[in-house]
Amino acid sequence: MKAFQFAKKHGQESAYVDAVFKAYWGDGKDISQTEVLAEIADSLHLDKEIFTHILKDRTFEQVHKDSLTHTYEDAHVTEVPTLKIGSRVLQGFASKETIEQALLHERSTKDREK
C-alpha cells in the first residue's frame, strides 16, 4: 500500500495498479519483491530510488492506516469486491443480473430526479 500511495501522490495510481496486476497475472512476477515494484515504478517514470526508499521506511504508513480506517469504518467495506451503485452496496461476487438491476434502478432514480 505504501507503493500505491506513492504512485497516487504522483497521479499514477491507476497506471500503477494496472502495471502491478499485469506483472503478477500476465508476466508471473513476484510482486512481493521490492525490485519488481521498483521496476514498475520506473516504467511509470516515478523516481525508482525514492520509491525504493519509501517501501523501506514509514513515509506513507499513516496514510495507509487512514485509508484502511475509511474503508472499514466510513465506507463499511467488509468484502472484496464491493461495488457501490448509487445507494446500493453490493459486497462479494454479484451476478451480472444483480449488477444490471442495480444500474437500471440507479438510472430510473436519476431520471425521476430530473
PDB file of N, CA and C in Angstrom:
ATOM      1  N   MET A   1       0.812  -1.203   0.000  1.00  0.00           N
ATOM      2  CA  MET A   1       0.000   0.000   0.000  1.00  0.00           C
ATOM      3  C   MET A   1       0.852   1.261   0.000  1.00  0.00           C
ATOM      4  N   LYS A   2       2.021   1.220   0.619  1.00  0.00           N
ATOM      5  CA  LYS A   2       2.884   2.405   0.599  1.00  0.00           C
ATOM      6  C   LYS A   2       3.257   2.738  -0.839  1.00  0.00           C
ATOM      7  N   ALA A   3       3.497   1.704  -1.641  1.00  0.00           N
ATOM      8  CA  ALA A   3       3.849   1.914  -3.042  1.00  0.00           C
ATOM      9  C   ALA A   3       2.687   2.564  -3.789  1.00  0.00           C
ATOM     10  N   PHE A   4       1.474   2.080  -3.529  1.00  0.00           N
ATOM     11  CA  PHE A   4       0.289   2.657  -4.160  1.00  0.00           C
ATOM     12  C   PHE A   4       0.135   4.122  -3.766  1.00  0.00           C
ATOM     13  N   GLN A   5       0.330   4.436  -2.486  1.00  0.00           N
ATOM     14  CA  GLN A   5       0.188   5.817  -2.014  1.00  0.00           C
ATOM     15  C   GLN A   5       1.215   6.729  -2.689  1.00  0.00           C
ATOM     16  N   PHE A   6       2.420   6.222  -2.886  1.00  0.00           N
ATOM     17  CA  PHE A   6       3.442   6.995  -3.588  1.00  0.00           C
ATOM     18  C   PHE A   6       3.005   7.267  -5.024  1.00  0.00           C
ATOM     19  N   ALA A   7       2.513   6.227  -5.698  1.00  0.00           N
ATOM     20  CA  ALA A   7       2.041   6.398  -7.077  1.00  0.00           C
ATOM     21  C   ALA A   7       0.870   7.372  -7.120  1.00  0.00           C
ATOM     22  N   LYS A   8      -0.030   7.268  -6.157  1.00  0.00           N
ATOM     23  CA  LYS A   8      -1.188   8.166  -6.097  1.00  0.00           C
ATOM     24  C   LYS A   8      -0.751   9.613  -5.913  1.00  0.00           C
ATOM     25  N   LYS A   9       0.225   9.820  -5.063  1.00  0.00           N
ATOM     26  CA  LYS A   9       0.733  11.180  -4.827  1.00  0.00           C
ATOM     27  C   LYS A   9       1.227  11.817  -6.128  1.00  0.00           C
ATOM     28  N   HIS A  10       1.662  10.972  -7.064  1.00  0.00           N
ATOM     29  CA  HIS A  10       2.178  11.462  -8.335  1.00  0.00           C
ATOM     30  C   HIS A  10       1.194  11.268  -9.488  1.00  0.00           C
ATOM     31  N   GLY A  11      -0.078  11.018  -9.156  1.00  0.00           N
ATOM     32  CA  GLY A  11      -1.113  10.908 -10.175  1.00  0.00           C
ATOM     33  C   GLY A  11      -1.016   9.661 -11.033  1.00  0.00           C
ATOM     34  N   GLN A  12      -0.369   8.623 -10.514  1.00  0.00           N
ATOM     35  CA  GLN A  12      -0.158   7.407 -11.296  1.00  0.00           C
ATOM     36  C   GLN A  12      -0.825   6.176 -10.675  1.00  0.00           C
ATOM     37  N   GLU A  13      -1.820   6.392  -9.799  1.00  0.00           N
ATOM     38  CA  GLU A  13      -2.386   5.247  -9.086  1.00  0.00           C
ATOM     39  C   GLU A  13      -3.029   4.217 -10.007  1.00  0.00           C
ATOM     40  N   SER A  14      -3.794   4.654 -10.984  1.00  0.00           N
ATOM     41  CA  SER A  14      -4.441   3.696 -11.898  1.00  0.00           C
ATOM     42  C   SER A  14      -3.417   2.955 -12.736  1.00  0.00           C
ATOM     43  N   ALA A  15      -2.466   3.680 -13.260  1.00  0.00           N
ATOM     44  CA  ALA A  15      -1.422   3.050 -14.074  1.00  0.00           C
ATOM     45  C   ALA A  15      -0.596   2.086 -13.229  1.00  0.00           C
ATOM     46  N   TYR A  16      -0.327   2.448 -11.981  1.00  0.00           N
ATOM     47  CA  TYR A  16       0.440   1.579 -11.091  1.00  0.00           C
ATOM     48  C   TYR A  16      -0.323   0.282 -10.817  1.00  0.00           C
ATOM     49  N   VAL A  17      -1.596   0.388 -10.475  1.00  0.00           N
ATOM     50  CA  VAL A  17      -2.403  -0.808 -10.197  1.00  0.00           C
ATOM     51  C   VAL A  17      -2.455  -1.702 -11.438  1.00  0.00           C
ATOM     52  N   ASP A  18      -2.688  -1.111 -12.593  1.00  0.00           N
ATOM     53  CA  ASP A  18      -2.725  -1.894 -13.833  1.00  0.00           C
ATOM     54  C   ASP A  18      -1.396  -2.613 -14.072  1.00  0.00           C
ATOM     55  N   ALA A  19      -0.292  -1.904 -13.855  1.00  0.00           N
ATOM     56  CA  ALA A  19       1.034  -2.490 -14.086  1.00  0.00           C
ATOM     57  C   ALA A  19       1.343  -3.608 -13.092  1.00  0.00           C
ATOM     58  N   VAL A  20       0.911  -3.448 -11.847  1.00  0.00           N
ATOM     59  CA  VAL A  20       1.136  -4.496 -10.840  1.00  0.00           C
ATOM     60  C   VAL A  20       0.312  -5.741 -11.203  1.00  0.00           C
ATOM     61  N   PHE A  21      -0.942  -5.547 -11.580  1.00  0.00           N
ATOM     62  CA  PHE A  21      -1.761  -6.687 -11.991  1.00  0.00           C
ATOM     63  C   PHE A  21      -1.156  -7.394 -13.197  1.00  0.00           C
ATOM     64  N   LYS A  22      -0.704  -6.627 -14.177  1.00  0.00           N
ATOM     65  CA  LYS A  22      -0.098  -7.223 -15.374  1.00  0.00           C
ATOM     66  C   LYS A  22       1.175  -7.975 -15.004  1.00  0.00           C
ATOM     67  N   ALA A  23       1.991  -7.390 -14.141  1.00  0.00           N
ATOM     68  CA  ALA A  23       3.231  -8.052 -13.734  1.00  0.00           C
ATOM     69  C   ALA A  23       2.933  -9.392 -13.071  1.00  0.00           C
ATOM     70  N   TYR A  24       1.932  -9.416 -12.197  1.00  0.00           N
ATOM     71  CA  TYR A  24       1.610 -10.646 -11.460  1.00  0.00           C
ATOM     72  C   TYR A  24       0.875 -11.659 -12.331  1.00  0.00           C
ATOM     73  N   TRP A  25      -0.266 -11.234 -12.888  1.00  0.00           N
ATOM     74  CA  TRP A  25      -1.124 -12.161 -13.620  1.00  0.00           C
ATOM     75  C   TRP A  25      -0.632 -12.431 -15.037  1.00  0.00           C
ATOM     76  N   GLY A  26      -0.076 -11.423 -15.670  1.00  0.00           N
ATOM     77  CA  GLY A  26       0.356 -11.588 -17.059  1.00  0.00           C
ATOM     78  C   GLY A  26       1.770 -12.103 -17.212  1.00  0.00           C
ATOM     79  N   ASP A  27       2.657 -11.592 -16.362  1.00  0.00           N
ATOM     80  CA  ASP A  27       4.072 -11.921 -16.520  1.00  0.00           C
ATOM     81  C   ASP A  27       4.589 -12.895 -15.465  1.00  0.00           C
ATOM     82  N   GLY A  28       3.753 -13.218 -14.475  1.00  0.00           N
ATOM     83  CA  GLY A  28       4.156 -14.170 -13.450  1.00  0.00           C
ATOM     84  C   GLY A  28       5.249 -13.679 -12.518  1.00  0.00           C
ATOM     85  N   LYS A  29       5.353 -12.365 -12.360  1.00  0.00           N
ATOM     86  CA  LYS A  29       6.400 -11.800 -11.496  1.00  0.00           C
ATOM     87  C   LYS A  29       5.977 -11.832 -10.029  1.00  0.00           C
ATOM     88  N   ASP A  30       6.962 -11.873  -9.163  1.00  0.00           N
ATOM     89  CA  ASP A  30       6.737 -11.892  -7.720  1.00  0.00           C
ATOM     90  C   ASP A  30       6.632 -10.448  -7.224  1.00  0.00           C
ATOM     91  N   ILE A  31       5.406  -9.968  -7.090  1.00  0.00           N
ATOM     92  CA  ILE A  31       5.200  -8.568  -6.715  1.00  0.00           C
ATOM     93  C   ILE A  31       5.434  -8.305  -5.231  1.00  0.00           C
ATOM     94  N   SER A  32       5.857  -9.319  -4.488  1.00  0.00           N
ATOM     95  CA  SER A  32       6.259  -9.083  -3.098  1.00  0.00           C
ATOM     96  C   SER A  32       7.705  -8.593  -3.026  1.00  0.00           C
ATOM     97  N   GLN A  33       8.394  -8.629  -4.156  1.00  0.00           N
ATOM     98  CA  GLN A  33       9.795  -8.214  -4.212  1.00  0.00           C
ATOM     99  C   GLN A  33       9.910  -6.711  -4.516  1.00  0.00           C
ATOM    100  N   THR A  34      10.678  -6.034  -3.674  1.00  0.00           N
ATOM    101  CA  THR A  34      10.869  -4.591  -3.837  1.00  0.00           C
ATOM    102  C   THR A  34      11.380  -4.243  -5.229  1.00  0.00           C
ATOM    103  N   GLU A  35      12.324  -5.010  -5.753  1.00  0.00           N
ATOM    104  CA  GLU A  35      12.908  -4.710  -7.063  1.00  0.00           C
ATOM    105  C   GLU A  35      11.868  -4.792  -8.179  1.00  0.00           C
ATOM    106  N   VAL A  36      10.946  -5.730  -8.084  1.00  0.00           N
ATOM    107  CA  VAL A  36       9.880  -5.854  -9.093  1.00  0.00           C
ATOM    108  C   VAL A  36       9.000  -4.610  -9.053  1.00  0.00           C
ATOM    109  N   LEU A  37       8.609  -4.194  -7.852  1.00  0.00           N
ATOM    110  CA  LEU A  37       7.769  -2.995  -7.722  1.00  0.00           C
ATOM    111  C   LEU A  37       8.521  -1.745  -8.154  1.00  0.00           C
ATOM    112  N   ALA A  38       9.826  -1.700  -7.847  1.00  0.00           N
ATOM    113  CA  ALA A  38      10.639  -0.538  -8.245  1.00  0.00           C
ATOM    114  C   ALA A  38      10.740  -0.444  -9.768  1.00  0.00           C
ATOM    115  N   GLU A  39      10.839  -1.595 -10.434  1.00  0.00           N
ATOM    116  CA  GLU A  39      10.873  -1.586 -11.903  1.00  0.00           C
ATOM    117  C   GLU A  39       9.542  -1.091 -12.467  1.00  0.00           C
ATOM    118  N   ILE A  40       8.456  -1.479 -11.837  1.00  0.00           N
ATOM    119  CA  ILE A  40       7.144  -0.989 -12.262  1.00  0.00           C
ATOM    120  C   ILE A  40       7.077   0.528 -12.097  1.00  0.00           C
ATOM    121  N   ALA A  41       7.521   1.014 -10.944  1.00  0.00           N
ATOM    122  CA  ALA A  41       7.530   2.463 -10.707  1.00  0.00           C
ATOM    123  C   ALA A  41       8.381   3.171 -11.747  1.00  0.00           C
ATOM    124  N   ASP A  42       9.545   2.617 -12.032  1.00  0.00           N
ATOM    125  CA  ASP A  42      10.445   3.203 -13.021  1.00  0.00           C
ATOM    126  C   ASP A  42       9.784   3.252 -14.392  1.00  0.00           C
ATOM    127  N   SER A  43       9.030   2.202 -14.741  1.00  0.00           N
ATOM    128  CA  SER A  43       8.352   2.173 -16.044  1.00  0.00           C
ATOM    129  C   SER A  43       7.286   3.261 -16.148  1.00  0.00           C
ATOM    130  N   LEU A  44       6.817   3.739 -14.989  1.00  0.00           N
ATOM    131  CA  LEU A  44       5.817   4.813 -14.959  1.00  0.00           C
ATOM    132  C   LEU A  44       6.467   6.187 -14.769  1.00  0.00           C
ATOM    133  N   HIS A  45       7.781   6.217 -14.877  1.00  0.00           N
ATOM    134  CA  HIS A  45       8.570   7.446 -14.730  1.00  0.00           C
ATOM    135  C   HIS A  45       8.494   8.024 -13.319  1.00  0.00           C
ATOM    136  N   LEU A  46       8.336   7.136 -12.339  1.00  0.00           N
ATOM    137  CA  LEU A  46       8.429   7.541 -10.942  1.00  0.00           C
ATOM    138  C   LEU A  46       9.868   7.305 -10.511  1.00  0.00           C
ATOM    139  N   ASP A  47      10.372   8.157  -9.637  1.00  0.00           N
ATOM    140  CA  ASP A  47      11.756   8.036  -9.201  1.00  0.00           C
ATOM    141  C   ASP A  47      11.974   6.711  -8.478  1.00  0.00           C
ATOM    142  N   LYS A  48      12.767   5.837  -9.091  1.00  0.00           N
ATOM    143  CA  LYS A  48      12.986   4.486  -8.594  1.00  0.00           C
ATOM    144  C   LYS A  48      13.675   4.487  -7.226  1.00  0.00           C
ATOM    145  N   GLU A  49      14.648   5.367  -7.034  1.00  0.00           N
ATOM    146  CA  GLU A  49      15.373   5.411  -5.758  1.00  0.00           C
ATOM    147  C   GLU A  49      14.472   5.877  -4.620  1.00  0.00           C
ATOM    148  N   ILE A  50      13.711   6.920  -4.861  1.00  0.00           N
ATOM    149  CA  ILE A  50      12.786   7.418  -3.828  1.00  0.00           C
ATOM    150  C   ILE A  50      11.721   6.362  -3.553  1.00  0.00           C
ATOM    151  N   PHE A  51      11.214   5.755  -4.600  1.00  0.00           N
ATOM    152  CA  PHE A  51      10.206   4.708  -4.456  1.00  0.00           C
ATOM    153  C   PHE A  51      10.729   3.573  -3.573  1.00  0.00           C
ATOM    154  N   THR A  52      11.929   3.101  -3.850  1.00  0.00           N
ATOM    155  CA  THR A  52      12.540   2.021  -3.069  1.00  0.00           C
ATOM    156  C   THR A  52      12.720   2.435  -1.618  1.00  0.00           C
ATOM    157  N   HIS A  53      13.141   3.667  -1.407  1.00  0.00           N
ATOM    158  CA  HIS A  53      13.323   4.174  -0.041  1.00  0.00           C
ATOM    159  C   HIS A  53      11.979   4.188   0.702  1.00  0.00           C
ATOM    160  N   ILE A  54      10.941   4.618   0.031  1.00  0.00           N
ATOM    161  CA  ILE A  54       9.618   4.709   0.658  1.00  0.00           C
ATOM    162  C   ILE A  54       9.104   3.325   1.069  1.00  0.00           C
ATOM    163  N   LEU A  55       9.402   2.317   0.270  1.00  0.00           N
ATOM    164  CA  LEU A  55       8.974   0.965   0.632  1.00  0.00           C
ATOM    165  C   LEU A  55       9.647   0.490   1.919  1.00  0.00           C
ATOM    166  N   LYS A  56      10.837   1.010   2.184  1.00  0.00           N
ATOM    167  CA  LYS A  56      11.598   0.563   3.355  1.00  0.00           C
ATOM    168  C   LYS A  56      11.350   1.402   4.595  1.00  0.00           C
ATOM    169  N   ASP A  57      10.831   2.610   4.432  1.00  0.00           N
ATOM    170  CA  ASP A  57      10.597   3.441   5.618  1.00  0.00           C
ATOM    171  C   ASP A  57       9.106   3.551   5.908  1.00  0.00           C
ATOM    172  N   ARG A  58       8.727   4.467   6.739  1.00  0.00           N
ATOM    173  CA  ARG A  58       7.332   4.587   7.168  1.00  0.00           C
ATOM    174  C   ARG A  58       6.654   5.838   6.599  1.00  0.00           C
ATOM    175  N   THR A  59       7.127   6.325   5.466  1.00  0.00           N
ATOM    176  CA  THR A  59       6.627   7.575   4.898  1.00  0.00           C
ATOM    177  C   THR A  59       5.114   7.592   4.735  1.00  0.00           C
ATOM    178  N   PHE A  60       4.537   6.526   4.200  1.00  0.00           N
ATOM    179  CA  PHE A  60       3.104   6.506   3.911  1.00  0.00           C
ATOM    180  C   PHE A  60       2.318   5.630   4.882  1.00  0.00           C
ATOM    181  N   GLU A  61       2.921   5.282   6.005  1.00  0.00           N
ATOM    182  CA  GLU A  61       2.250   4.384   6.945  1.00  0.00           C
ATOM    183  C   GLU A  61       0.947   4.975   7.478  1.00  0.00           C
ATOM    184  N   GLN A  62       0.944   6.242   7.868  1.00  0.00           N
ATOM    185  CA  GLN A  62      -0.272   6.854   8.405  1.00  0.00           C
ATOM    186  C   GLN A  62      -1.334   7.018   7.324  1.00  0.00           C
ATOM    187  N   VAL A  63      -0.914   7.367   6.122  1.00  0.00           N
ATOM    188  CA  VAL A  63      -1.860   7.483   5.004  1.00  0.00           C
ATOM    189  C   VAL A  63      -2.532   6.130   4.762  1.00  0.00           C
ATOM    190  N   HIS A  64      -1.737   5.079   4.820  1.00  0.00           N
ATOM    191  CA  HIS A  64      -2.274   3.735   4.634  1.00  0.00           C
ATOM    192  C   HIS A  64      -3.262   3.391   5.749  1.00  0.00           C
ATOM    193  N   LYS A  65      -2.907   3.683   6.991  1.00  0.00           N
ATOM    194  CA  LYS A  65      -3.806   3.414   8.117  1.00  0.00           C
ATOM    195  C   LYS A  65      -5.105   4.201   7.976  1.00  0.00           C
ATOM    196  N   ASP A  66      -4.994   5.468   7.581  1.00  0.00           N
ATOM    197  CA  ASP A  66      -6.189   6.299   7.389  1.00  0.00           C
ATOM    198  C   ASP A  66      -7.077   5.736   6.281  1.00  0.00           C
ATOM    199  N   SER A  67      -6.455   5.235   5.227  1.00  0.00           N
ATOM    200  CA  SER A  67      -7.198   4.649   4.117  1.00  0.00           C
ATOM    201  C   SER A  67      -7.963   3.407   4.571  1.00  0.00           C
ATOM    202  N   LEU A  68      -7.309   2.570   5.379  1.00  0.00           N
ATOM    203  CA  LEU A  68      -7.984   1.380   5.896  1.00  0.00           C
ATOM    204  C   LEU A  68      -9.130   1.752   6.829  1.00  0.00           C
ATOM    205  N   THR A  69      -8.917   2.756   7.664  1.00  0.00           N
ATOM    206  CA  THR A  69      -9.969   3.216   8.567  1.00  0.00           C
ATOM    207  C   THR A  69     -11.177   3.682   7.767  1.00  0.00           C
ATOM    208  N   HIS A  70     -10.933   4.469   6.737  1.00  0.00           N
ATOM    209  CA  HIS A  70     -12.025   4.945   5.876  1.00  0.00           C
ATOM    210  C   HIS A  70     -12.748   3.754   5.240  1.00  0.00           C
ATOM    211  N   THR A  71     -11.982   2.805   4.730  1.00  0.00           N
ATOM    212  CA  THR A  71     -12.566   1.647   4.053  1.00  0.00           C
ATOM    213  C   THR A  71     -13.490   0.862   4.982  1.00  0.00           C
ATOM    214  N   TYR A  72     -13.004   0.556   6.174  1.00  0.00           N
ATOM    215  CA  TYR A  72     -13.780  -0.279   7.095  1.00  0.00           C
ATOM    216  C   TYR A  72     -14.861   0.500   7.836  1.00  0.00           C
ATOM    217  N   GLU A  73     -14.510   1.666   8.374  1.00  0.00           N
ATOM    218  CA  GLU A  73     -15.423   2.382   9.259  1.00  0.00           C
ATOM    219  C   GLU A  73     -16.364   3.341   8.537  1.00  0.00           C
ATOM    220  N   ASP A  74     -15.863   4.063   7.546  1.00  0.00           N
ATOM    221  CA  ASP A  74     -16.695   5.054   6.860  1.00  0.00           C
ATOM    222  C   ASP A  74     -17.463   4.441   5.684  1.00  0.00           C
ATOM    223  N   ALA A  75     -16.752   3.673   4.849  1.00  0.00           N
ATOM    224  CA  ALA A  75     -17.383   3.090   3.660  1.00  0.00           C
ATOM    225  C   ALA A  75     -17.996   1.719   3.944  1.00  0.00           C
ATOM    226  N   HIS A  76     -17.704   1.149   5.088  1.00  0.00           N
ATOM    227  CA  HIS A  76     -18.254  -0.143   5.509  1.00  0.00           C
ATOM    228  C   HIS A  76     -17.959  -1.273   4.519  1.00  0.00           C
ATOM    229  N   VAL A  77     -16.772  -1.241   3.943  1.00  0.00           N
ATOM    230  CA  VAL A  77     -16.359  -2.303   3.039  1.00  0.00           C
ATOM    231  C   VAL A  77     -15.808  -3.444   3.882  1.00  0.00           C
ATOM    232  N   THR A  78     -16.461  -4.595   3.769  1.00  0.00           N
ATOM    233  CA  THR A  78     -16.018  -5.758   4.531  1.00  0.00           C
ATOM    234  C   THR A  78     -15.704  -6.945   3.625  1.00  0.00           C
ATOM    235  N   GLU A  79     -15.999  -6.817   2.338  1.00  0.00           N
ATOM    236  CA  GLU A  79     -15.727  -7.883   1.384  1.00  0.00           C
ATOM    237  C   GLU A  79     -15.156  -7.295   0.109  1.00  0.00           C
ATOM    238  N   VAL A  80     -14.399  -8.116  -0.593  1.00  0.00           N
ATOM    239  CA  VAL A  80     -13.860  -7.738  -1.885  1.00  0.00           C
ATOM    240  C   VAL A  80     -14.365  -8.762  -2.881  1.00  0.00           C
ATOM    241  N   PRO A  81     -14.936  -8.322  -3.978  1.00  0.00           N
ATOM    242  CA  PRO A  81     -15.133  -6.941  -4.369  1.00  0.00           C
ATOM    243  C   PRO A  81     -16.360  -6.315  -3.696  1.00  0.00           C
ATOM    244  N   THR A  82     -16.352  -5.010  -3.619  1.00  0.00           N
ATOM    245  CA  THR A  82     -17.507  -4.238  -3.181  1.00  0.00           C
ATOM    246  C   THR A  82     -17.799  -3.209  -4.261  1.00  0.00           C
ATOM    247  N   LEU A  83     -19.034  -3.169  -4.713  1.00  0.00           N
ATOM    248  CA  LEU A  83     -19.465  -2.187  -5.709  1.00  0.00           C
ATOM    249  C   LEU A  83     -20.509  -1.288  -5.076  1.00  0.00           C
ATOM    250  N   LYS A  84     -20.369   0.006  -5.280  1.00  0.00           N
ATOM    251  CA  LYS A  84     -21.385   0.938  -4.824  1.00  0.00           C
ATOM    252  C   LYS A  84     -22.014   1.545  -6.070  1.00  0.00           C
ATOM    253  N   ILE A  85     -23.293   1.303  -6.227  1.00  0.00           N
ATOM    254  CA  ILE A  85     -24.038   1.826  -7.370  1.00  0.00           C
ATOM    255  C   ILE A  85     -25.171   2.648  -6.798  1.00  0.00           C
ATOM    256  N   GLY A  86     -25.017   3.954  -6.852  1.00  0.00           N
ATOM    257  CA  GLY A  86     -25.993   4.829  -6.221  1.00  0.00           C
ATOM    258  C   GLY A  86     -26.013   4.569  -4.734  1.00  0.00           C
ATOM    259  N   SER A  87     -27.176   4.263  -4.206  1.00  0.00           N
ATOM    260  CA  SER A  87     -27.289   4.000  -2.772  1.00  0.00           C
ATOM    261  C   SER A  87     -27.099   2.522  -2.437  1.00  0.00           C
ATOM    262  N   ARG A  88     -27.019   1.684  -3.452  1.00  0.00           N
ATOM    263  CA  ARG A  88     -26.863   0.240  -3.225  1.00  0.00           C
ATOM    264  C   ARG A  88     -25.400  -0.136  -3.102  1.00  0.00           C
ATOM    265  N   VAL A  89     -25.126  -1.025  -2.168  1.00  0.00           N
ATOM    266  CA  VAL A  89     -23.786  -1.560  -1.982  1.00  0.00           C
ATOM    267  C   VAL A  89     -23.863  -3.066  -2.192  1.00  0.00           C
ATOM    268  N   LEU A  90     -23.103  -3.549  -3.163  1.00  0.00           N
ATOM    269  CA  LEU A  90     -23.059  -4.975  -3.460  1.00  0.00           C
ATOM    270  C   LEU A  90     -21.709  -5.506  -2.996  1.00  0.00           C
ATOM    271  N   GLN A  91     -21.739  -6.401  -2.017  1.00  0.00           N
ATOM    272  CA  GLN A  91     -20.494  -6.950  -1.498  1.00  0.00           C
ATOM    273  C   GLN A  91     -20.357  -8.401  -1.911  1.00  0.00           C
ATOM    274  N   GLY A  92     -19.139  -8.791  -2.217  1.00  0.00           N
ATOM    275  CA  GLY A  92     -18.895 -10.138  -2.704  1.00  0.00           C
ATOM    276  C   GLY A  92     -19.165 -10.184  -4.202  1.00  0.00           C
ATOM    277  N   PHE A  93     -19.150 -11.368  -4.740  1.00  0.00           N
ATOM    278  CA  PHE A  93     -19.359 -11.516  -6.174  1.00  0.00           C
ATOM    279  C   PHE A  93     -20.844 -11.484  -6.495  1.00  0.00           C
ATOM    280  N   ALA A  94     -21.261 -10.404  -7.150  1.00  0.00           N
ATOM    281  CA  ALA A  94     -22.657 -10.251  -7.546  1.00  0.00           C
ATOM    282  C   ALA A  94     -22.826 -10.784  -8.964  1.00  0.00           C
ATOM    283  N   SER A  95     -23.987 -11.327  -9.227  1.00  0.00           N
ATOM    284  CA  SER A  95     -24.263 -11.844 -10.569  1.00  0.00           C
ATOM    285  C   SER A  95     -24.414 -10.670 -11.539  1.00  0.00           C
ATOM    286  N   LYS A  96     -24.296 -10.990 -12.800  1.00  0.00           N
ATOM    287  CA  LYS A  96     -24.497  -9.997 -13.852  1.00  0.00           C
ATOM    288  C   LYS A  96     -25.882  -9.380 -13.731  1.00  0.00           C
ATOM    289  N   GLU A  97     -26.877 -10.230 -13.462  1.00  0.00           N
ATOM    290  CA  GLU A  97     -28.261  -9.759 -13.348  1.00  0.00           C
ATOM    291  C   GLU A  97     -28.427  -8.787 -12.172  1.00  0.00           C
ATOM    292  N   THR A  98     -27.794  -9.090 -11.057  1.00  0.00           N
ATOM    293  CA  THR A  98     -27.878  -8.213  -9.885  1.00  0.00           C
ATOM    294  C   THR A  98     -27.265  -6.854 -10.182  1.00  0.00           C
ATOM    295  N   ILE A  99     -26.121  -6.859 -10.852  1.00  0.00           N
ATOM    296  CA  ILE A  99     -25.461  -5.592 -11.208  1.00  0.00           C
ATOM    297  C   ILE A  99     -26.316  -4.816 -12.196  1.00  0.00           C
ATOM    298  N   GLU A 100     -26.869  -5.508 -13.191  1.00  0.00           N
ATOM    299  CA  GLU A 100     -27.736  -4.849 -14.170  1.00  0.00           C
ATOM    300  C   GLU A 100     -28.951  -4.225 -13.487  1.00  0.00           C
ATOM    301  N   GLN A 101     -29.568  -4.955 -12.557  1.00  0.00           N
ATOM    302  CA  GLN A 101     -30.726  -4.430 -11.829  1.00  0.00           C
ATOM    303  C   GLN A 101     -30.357  -3.180 -11.034  1.00  0.00           C
ATOM    304  N   ALA A 102     -29.207  -3.214 -10.394  1.00  0.00           N
ATOM    305  CA  ALA A 102     -28.767  -2.055  -9.614  1.00  0.00           C
ATOM    306  C   ALA A 102     -28.526  -0.851 -10.529  1.00  0.00           C
ATOM    307  N   LEU A 103     -27.934  -1.089 -11.687  1.00  0.00           N
ATOM    308  CA  LEU A 103     -27.690   0.001 -12.641  1.00  0.00           C
ATOM    309  C   LEU A 103     -29.003   0.564 -13.187  1.00  0.00           C
ATOM    310  N   LEU A 104     -29.935  -0.311 -13.523  1.00  0.00           N
ATOM    311  CA  LEU A 104     -31.235   0.144 -14.020  1.00  0.00           C
ATOM    312  C   LEU A 104     -31.991   0.922 -12.944  1.00  0.00           C
ATOM    313  N   HIS A 105     -31.929   0.434 -11.722  1.00  0.00           N
ATOM    314  CA  HIS A 105     -32.581   1.130 -10.609  1.00  0.00           C
ATOM    315  C   HIS A 105     -31.970   2.526 -10.437  1.00  0.00           C
ATOM    316  N   GLU A 106     -30.664   2.610 -10.489  1.00  0.00           N
ATOM    317  CA  GLU A 106     -29.988   3.899 -10.345  1.00  0.00           C
ATOM    318  C   GLU A 106     -30.368   4.843 -11.472  1.00  0.00           C
ATOM    319  N   ARG A 107     -30.425   4.311 -12.693  1.00  0.00           N
ATOM    320  CA  ARG A 107     -30.806   5.142 -13.839  1.00  0.00           C
ATOM    321  C   ARG A 107     -32.232   5.666 -13.681  1.00  0.00           C
ATOM    322  N   SER A 108     -33.167   4.808 -13.269  1.00  0.00           N
ATOM    323  CA  SER A 108     -34.564   5.257 -13.121  1.00  0.00           C
ATOM    324  C   SER A 108     -34.672   6.263 -11.975  1.00  0.00           C
ATOM    325  N   THR A 109     -33.897   6.103 -10.927  1.00  0.00           N
ATOM    326  CA  THR A 109     -33.891   7.070  -9.838  1.00  0.00           C
ATOM    327  C   THR A 109     -33.411   8.415 -10.321  1.00  0.00           C
ATOM    328  N   LYS A 110     -32.326   8.406 -11.107  1.00  0.00           N
ATOM    329  CA  LYS A 110     -31.779   9.671 -11.656  1.00  0.00           C
ATOM    330  C   LYS A 110     -32.777  10.318 -12.616  1.00  0.00           C
ATOM    331  N   ASP A 111     -33.463   9.509 -13.423  1.00  0.00           N
ATOM    332  CA  ASP A 111     -34.441  10.040 -14.374  1.00  0.00           C
ATOM    333  C   ASP A 111     -35.608  10.708 -13.640  1.00  0.00           C
ATOM    334  N   ARG A 112     -36.038  10.112 -12.516  1.00  0.00           N
ATOM    335  CA  ARG A 112     -37.136  10.698 -11.736  1.00  0.00           C
ATOM    336  C   ARG A 112     -36.733  12.013 -11.077  1.00  0.00           C
ATOM    337  N   GLU A 113     -35.440  12.171 -10.787  1.00  0.00           N
ATOM    338  CA  GLU A 113     -34.962  13.393 -10.123  1.00  0.00           C
ATOM    339  C   GLU A 113     -34.883  14.570 -11.088  1.00  0.00           C
ATOM    340  N   LYS A 114     -34.908  14.304 -12.370  1.00  0.00           N
ATOM    341  CA  LYS A 114     -34.778  15.377 -13.385  1.00  0.00           C
ATOM    342  C   LYS A 114     -35.995  16.214 -13.494  1.00  0.00           C
TER     343      LYS A 114
END
